[in-house]
């Protein structure tokens, strides 16, 4: 299955740094934009593998937060 995400990136000290807007916590870097794209794909796949094979049993519940 092909999914599309938004890669937000910036240059910091000569490195391309980026994150996936829709997936919090997926960040990476590269010496070029092409390398950043490859690395962010790897980071996403590692996150998915971790979700599929969790190391601990997790629980979830809805909470209310006043804003």
PDB file of N, CA and C in Angstrom:
ATOM      1  N   UNK A   1       0.844  -1.177   0.000  1.00  0.00           N
ATOM      2  CA  UNK A   1       0.000   0.000   0.000  1.00  0.00           C
ATOM      3  C   UNK A   1       0.892   1.244   0.000  1.00  0.00           C
ATOM      4  N   UNK A   2       0.563   2.202  -0.803  1.00  0.00           N
ATOM      5  CA  UNK A   2       1.300   3.453  -0.900  1.00  0.00           C
ATOM      6  C   UNK A   2       0.566   4.516  -0.101  1.00  0.00           C
ATOM      7  N   UNK A   3       1.276   5.153   0.830  1.00  0.00           N
ATOM      8  CA  UNK A   3       0.706   6.263   1.604  1.00  0.00           C
ATOM      9  C   UNK A   3       1.534   7.503   1.338  1.00  0.00           C
ATOM     10  N   UNK A   4       0.915   8.646   1.391  1.00  0.00           N
ATOM     11  CA  UNK A   4       1.605   9.911   1.168  1.00  0.00           C
ATOM     12  C   UNK A   4       1.634  10.719   2.461  1.00  0.00           C
ATOM     13  N   UNK A   5       2.786  11.310   2.731  1.00  0.00           N
ATOM     14  CA  UNK A   5       2.966  12.151   3.907  1.00  0.00           C
ATOM     15  C   UNK A   5       3.637  13.454   3.488  1.00  0.00           C
ATOM     16  N   UNK A   6       3.568  14.429   4.334  1.00  0.00           N
ATOM     17  CA  UNK A   6       4.210  15.712   4.087  1.00  0.00           C
ATOM     18  C   UNK A   6       5.543  15.748   4.816  1.00  0.00           C
ATOM     19  N   UNK A   7       6.627  15.894   4.061  1.00  0.00           N
ATOM     20  CA  UNK A   7       7.956  16.017   4.639  1.00  0.00           C
ATOM     21  C   UNK A   7       8.249  17.501   4.836  1.00  0.00           C
ATOM     22  N   UNK A   8       8.380  17.911   6.096  1.00  0.00           N
ATOM     23  CA  UNK A   8       8.812  19.267   6.403  1.00  0.00           C
ATOM     24  C   UNK A   8      10.307  19.198   6.672  1.00  0.00           C
ATOM     25  N   UNK A   9      11.075  20.079   6.050  1.00  0.00           N
ATOM     26  CA  UNK A   9      12.518  20.011   6.264  1.00  0.00           C
ATOM     27  C   UNK A   9      13.132  21.398   6.281  1.00  0.00           C
ATOM     28  N   UNK A  10      14.316  21.463   6.848  1.00  0.00           N
ATOM     29  CA  UNK A  10      15.088  22.688   6.925  1.00  0.00           C
ATOM     30  C   UNK A  10      16.567  22.315   6.890  1.00  0.00           C
ATOM     31  N   UNK A  11      17.405  23.297   6.665  1.00  0.00           N
ATOM     32  CA  UNK A  11      18.844  23.062   6.624  1.00  0.00           C
ATOM     33  C   UNK A  11      19.458  23.667   7.881  1.00  0.00           C
ATOM     34  N   UNK A  12      20.232  22.865   8.583  1.00  0.00           N
ATOM     35  CA  UNK A  12      20.888  23.299   9.811  1.00  0.00           C
ATOM     36  C   UNK A  12      22.350  22.870   9.760  1.00  0.00           C
ATOM     37  N   UNK A  13      23.233  23.834   9.706  1.00  0.00           N
ATOM     38  CA  UNK A  13      24.667  23.581   9.677  1.00  0.00           C
ATOM     39  C   UNK A  13      25.061  22.635   8.537  1.00  0.00           C
ATOM     40  N   UNK A  14      24.414  22.819   7.380  1.00  0.00           N
ATOM     41  CA  UNK A  14      24.746  22.025   6.204  1.00  0.00           C
ATOM     42  C   UNK A  14      24.014  20.691   6.100  1.00  0.00           C
ATOM     43  N   UNK A  15      23.224  20.332   7.092  1.00  0.00           N
ATOM     44  CA  UNK A  15      22.459  19.076   7.081  1.00  0.00           C
ATOM     45  C   UNK A  15      20.993  19.362   6.802  1.00  0.00           C
ATOM     46  N   UNK A  16      20.365  18.484   6.045  1.00  0.00           N
ATOM     47  CA  UNK A  16      18.923  18.538   5.833  1.00  0.00           C
ATOM     48  C   UNK A  16      18.265  17.785   6.984  1.00  0.00           C
ATOM     49  N   UNK A  17      17.423  18.480   7.735  1.00  0.00           N
ATOM     50  CA  UNK A  17      16.726  17.905   8.878  1.00  0.00           C
ATOM     51  C   UNK A  17      15.248  17.898   8.520  1.00  0.00           C
ATOM     52  N   UNK A  18      14.548  16.801   8.809  1.00  0.00           N
ATOM     53  CA  UNK A  18      13.149  16.743   8.434  1.00  0.00           C
ATOM     54  C   UNK A  18      12.296  15.899   9.349  1.00  0.00           C
ATOM     55  N   UNK A  19      10.991  16.099   9.208  1.00  0.00           N
ATOM     56  CA  UNK A  19      10.007  15.331   9.970  1.00  0.00           C
ATOM     57  C   UNK A  19       8.784  15.114   9.104  1.00  0.00           C
ATOM     58  N   UNK A  20       8.024  14.094   9.441  1.00  0.00           N
ATOM     59  CA  UNK A  20       6.748  13.854   8.767  1.00  0.00           C
ATOM     60  C   UNK A  20       5.666  14.595   9.544  1.00  0.00           C
ATOM     61  N   UNK A  21       4.997  15.509   8.879  1.00  0.00           N
ATOM     62  CA  UNK A  21       3.988  16.338   9.543  1.00  0.00           C
ATOM     63  C   UNK A  21       2.878  15.488  10.165  1.00  0.00           C
ATOM     64  N   UNK A  22       2.463  14.446   9.466  1.00  0.00           N
ATOM     65  CA  UNK A  22       1.318  13.653   9.922  1.00  0.00           C
ATOM     66  C   UNK A  22       1.679  12.589  10.962  1.00  0.00           C
ATOM     67  N   UNK A  23       2.953  12.313  11.154  1.00  0.00           N
ATOM     68  CA  UNK A  23       3.378  11.256  12.073  1.00  0.00           C
ATOM     69  C   UNK A  23       4.340  11.850  13.106  1.00  0.00           C
ATOM     70  N   UNK A  24       3.826  12.290  14.252  1.00  0.00           N
ATOM     71  CA  UNK A  24       4.707  12.869  15.270  1.00  0.00           C
ATOM     72  C   UNK A  24       5.802  11.883  15.679  1.00  0.00           C
ATOM     73  N   UNK A  25       6.993  12.387  15.833  1.00  0.00           N
ATOM     74  CA  UNK A  25       8.085  11.557  16.305  1.00  0.00           C
ATOM     75  C   UNK A  25       8.941  10.941  15.216  1.00  0.00           C
ATOM     76  N   UNK A  26       8.571  11.105  13.944  1.00  0.00           N
ATOM     77  CA  UNK A  26       9.389  10.560  12.859  1.00  0.00           C
ATOM     78  C   UNK A  26      10.240  11.700  12.298  1.00  0.00           C
ATOM     79  N   UNK A  27      11.498  11.721  12.732  1.00  0.00           N
ATOM     80  CA  UNK A  27      12.479  12.720  12.315  1.00  0.00           C
ATOM     81  C   UNK A  27      13.669  12.008  11.710  1.00  0.00           C
ATOM     82  N   UNK A  28      14.423  12.720  10.874  1.00  0.00           N
ATOM     83  CA  UNK A  28      15.681  12.181  10.373  1.00  0.00           C
ATOM     84  C   UNK A  28      16.514  13.319   9.812  1.00  0.00           C
ATOM     85  N   UNK A  29      17.679  12.967   9.268  1.00  0.00           N
ATOM     86  CA  UNK A  29      18.564  13.959   8.675  1.00  0.00           C
ATOM     87  C   UNK A  29      19.339  13.320   7.539  1.00  0.00           C
ATOM     88  N   UNK A  30      19.966  14.150   6.725  1.00  0.00           N
ATOM     89  CA  UNK A  30      20.795  13.663   5.637  1.00  0.00           C
ATOM     90  C   UNK A  30      21.687  14.764   5.118  1.00  0.00           C
ATOM     91  N   UNK A  31      22.740  14.380   4.434  1.00  0.00           N
ATOM     92  CA  UNK A  31      23.651  15.368   3.858  1.00  0.00           C
ATOM     93  C   UNK A  31      23.086  15.996   2.595  1.00  0.00           C
ATOM     94  N   UNK A  32      22.031  15.388   2.033  1.00  0.00           N
ATOM     95  CA  UNK A  32      21.343  15.936   0.865  1.00  0.00           C
ATOM     96  C   UNK A  32      19.847  15.698   1.054  1.00  0.00           C
ATOM     97  N   UNK A  33      19.050  16.352   0.232  1.00  0.00           N
ATOM     98  CA  UNK A  33      17.605  16.144   0.307  1.00  0.00           C
ATOM     99  C   UNK A  33      17.258  14.707  -0.042  1.00  0.00           C
ATOM    100  N   UNK A  34      17.936  14.145  -1.021  1.00  0.00           N
ATOM    101  CA  UNK A  34      17.695  12.754  -1.395  1.00  0.00           C
ATOM    102  C   UNK A  34      18.002  11.811  -0.228  1.00  0.00           C
ATOM    103  N   UNK A  35      19.128  12.037   0.446  1.00  0.00           N
ATOM    104  CA  UNK A  35      19.479  11.185   1.586  1.00  0.00           C
ATOM    105  C   UNK A  35      18.471  11.358   2.719  1.00  0.00           C
ATOM    106  N   UNK A  36      18.010  12.591   2.958  1.00  0.00           N
ATOM    107  CA  UNK A  36      16.984  12.814   3.977  1.00  0.00           C
ATOM    108  C   UNK A  36      15.726  12.018   3.652  1.00  0.00           C
ATOM    109  N   UNK A  37      15.292  12.043   2.392  1.00  0.00           N
ATOM    110  CA  UNK A  37      14.088  11.303   2.008  1.00  0.00           C
ATOM    111  C   UNK A  37      14.261   9.805   2.240  1.00  0.00           C
ATOM    112  N   UNK A  38      15.427   9.275   1.903  1.00  0.00           N
ATOM    113  CA  UNK A  38      15.697   7.850   2.145  1.00  0.00           C
ATOM    114  C   UNK A  38      15.679   7.551   3.642  1.00  0.00           C
ATOM    115  N   UNK A  39      16.314   8.416   4.423  1.00  0.00           N
ATOM    116  CA  UNK A  39      16.403   8.194   5.866  1.00  0.00           C
ATOM    117  C   UNK A  39      15.054   8.343   6.556  1.00  0.00           C
ATOM    118  N   UNK A  40      14.225   9.276   6.088  1.00  0.00           N
ATOM    119  CA  UNK A  40      12.907   9.460   6.711  1.00  0.00           C
ATOM    120  C   UNK A  40      12.015   8.262   6.396  1.00  0.00           C
ATOM    121  N   UNK A  41      12.177   7.674   5.214  1.00  0.00           N
ATOM    122  CA  UNK A  41      11.431   6.441   4.892  1.00  0.00           C
ATOM    123  C   UNK A  41      11.865   5.314   5.830  1.00  0.00           C
ATOM    124  N   UNK A  42      13.170   5.195   6.050  1.00  0.00           N
ATOM    125  CA  UNK A  42      13.683   4.179   6.981  1.00  0.00           C
ATOM    126  C   UNK A  42      13.137   4.404   8.387  1.00  0.00           C
ATOM    127  N   UNK A  43      13.144   5.665   8.833  1.00  0.00           N
ATOM    128  CA  UNK A  43      12.641   5.985  10.172  1.00  0.00           C
ATOM    129  C   UNK A  43      11.160   5.615  10.295  1.00  0.00           C
ATOM    130  N   UNK A  44      10.387   5.900   9.255  1.00  0.00           N
ATOM    131  CA  UNK A  44       8.964   5.542   9.258  1.00  0.00           C
ATOM    132  C   UNK A  44       8.788   4.030   9.351  1.00  0.00           C
ATOM    133  N   UNK A  45       9.563   3.282   8.540  1.00  0.00           N
ATOM    134  CA  UNK A  45       9.439   1.820   8.564  1.00  0.00           C
ATOM    135  C   UNK A  45       9.857   1.246   9.918  1.00  0.00           C
ATOM    136  N   UNK A  46      10.873   1.809  10.545  1.00  0.00           N
ATOM    137  CA  UNK A  46      11.269   1.355  11.879  1.00  0.00           C
ATOM    138  C   UNK A  46      10.161   1.619  12.891  1.00  0.00           C
ATOM    139  N   UNK A  47       9.494   2.776  12.767  1.00  0.00           N
ATOM    140  CA  UNK A  47       8.394   3.091  13.672  1.00  0.00           C
ATOM    141  C   UNK A  47       7.247   2.104  13.476  1.00  0.00           C
ATOM    142  N   UNK A  48       6.939   1.778  12.217  1.00  0.00           N
ATOM    143  CA  UNK A  48       5.866   0.824  11.928  1.00  0.00           C
ATOM    144  C   UNK A  48       6.206  -0.551  12.484  1.00  0.00           C
ATOM    145  N   UNK A  49       7.448  -1.008  12.302  1.00  0.00           N
ATOM    146  CA  UNK A  49       7.857  -2.305  12.852  1.00  0.00           C
ATOM    147  C   UNK A  49       7.699  -2.329  14.356  1.00  0.00           C
ATOM    148  N   UNK A  50       8.047  -1.225  15.014  1.00  0.00           N
ATOM    149  CA  UNK A  50       7.924  -1.145  16.463  1.00  0.00           C
ATOM    150  C   UNK A  50       6.461  -1.206  16.882  1.00  0.00           C
ATOM    151  N   UNK A  51       5.574  -0.593  16.086  1.00  0.00           N
ATOM    152  CA  UNK A  51       4.148  -0.631  16.380  1.00  0.00           C
ATOM    153  C   UNK A  51       3.582  -2.038  16.189  1.00  0.00           C
ATOM    154  N   UNK A  52       4.066  -2.746  15.181  1.00  0.00           N
ATOM    155  CA  UNK A  52       3.565  -4.088  14.898  1.00  0.00           C
ATOM    156  C   UNK A  52       4.068  -5.087  15.940  1.00  0.00           C
ATOM    157  N   UNK A  53       5.309  -4.927  16.357  1.00  0.00           N
ATOM    158  CA  UNK A  53       5.921  -5.827  17.331  1.00  0.00           C
ATOM    159  C   UNK A  53       6.293  -5.050  18.595  1.00  0.00           C
ATOM    160  N   UNK A  54       5.298  -4.621  19.382  1.00  0.00           N
ATOM    161  CA  UNK A  54       5.608  -3.803  20.553  1.00  0.00           C
ATOM    162  C   UNK A  54       6.420  -4.583  21.590  1.00  0.00           C
ATOM    163  N   UNK A  55       7.279  -3.862  22.284  1.00  0.00           N
ATOM    164  CA  UNK A  55       8.118  -4.480  23.304  1.00  0.00           C
ATOM    165  C   UNK A  55       7.396  -4.575  24.644  1.00  0.00           C
ATOM    166  N   UNK A  56       6.384  -3.756  24.846  1.00  0.00           N
ATOM    167  CA  UNK A  56       5.607  -3.790  26.078  1.00  0.00           C
ATOM    168  C   UNK A  56       4.136  -3.708  25.722  1.00  0.00           C
ATOM    169  N   UNK A  57       3.313  -4.215  26.601  1.00  0.00           N
ATOM    170  CA  UNK A  57       1.870  -4.118  26.384  1.00  0.00           C
ATOM    171  C   UNK A  57       1.421  -2.719  26.744  1.00  0.00           C
ATOM    172  N   UNK A  58       0.728  -2.056  25.836  1.00  0.00           N
ATOM    173  CA  UNK A  58       0.282  -0.689  26.085  1.00  0.00           C
ATOM    174  C   UNK A  58      -1.218  -0.663  26.314  1.00  0.00           C
ATOM    175  N   UNK A  59      -1.653   0.389  26.971  1.00  0.00           N
ATOM    176  CA  UNK A  59      -3.070   0.607  27.228  1.00  0.00           C
ATOM    177  C   UNK A  59      -3.396   2.024  26.784  1.00  0.00           C
ATOM    178  N   UNK A  60      -4.670   2.276  26.554  1.00  0.00           N
ATOM    179  CA  UNK A  60      -5.084   3.613  26.133  1.00  0.00           C
ATOM    180  C   UNK A  60      -6.438   3.936  26.729  1.00  0.00           C
ATOM    181  N   UNK A  61      -6.669   5.210  26.964  1.00  0.00           N
ATOM    182  CA  UNK A  61      -7.979   5.661  27.403  1.00  0.00           C
ATOM    183  C   UNK A  61      -8.148   7.114  26.993  1.00  0.00           C
ATOM    184  N   UNK A  62      -9.374   7.528  26.795  1.00  0.00           N
ATOM    185  CA  UNK A  62      -9.667   8.900  26.430  1.00  0.00           C
ATOM    186  C   UNK A  62      -9.575   9.779  27.675  1.00  0.00           C
ATOM    187  N   UNK A  63      -9.010  10.962  27.516  1.00  0.00           N
ATOM    188  CA  UNK A  63      -8.947  11.930  28.614  1.00  0.00           C
ATOM    189  C   UNK A  63      -9.440  13.278  28.122  1.00  0.00           C
ATOM    190  N   UNK A  64      -9.827  14.129  29.047  1.00  0.00           N
ATOM    191  CA  UNK A  64     -10.242  15.470  28.700  1.00  0.00           C
ATOM    192  C   UNK A  64      -9.137  16.443  29.090  1.00  0.00           C
ATOM    193  N   UNK A  65      -8.896  17.429  28.233  1.00  0.00           N
ATOM    194  CA  UNK A  65      -7.891  18.444  28.505  1.00  0.00           C
ATOM    195  C   UNK A  65      -8.533  19.794  28.227  1.00  0.00           C
ATOM    196  N   UNK A  66      -8.506  20.666  29.229  1.00  0.00           N
ATOM    197  CA  UNK A  66      -9.066  22.004  29.059  1.00  0.00           C
ATOM    198  C   UNK A  66      -8.067  22.879  28.302  1.00  0.00           C
ATOM    199  N   UNK A  67      -8.573  23.586  27.284  1.00  0.00           N
ATOM    200  CA  UNK A  67      -7.685  24.448  26.504  1.00  0.00           C
ATOM    201  C   UNK A  67      -8.138  25.887  26.586  1.00  0.00           C
TER     202      UNK A  67
END
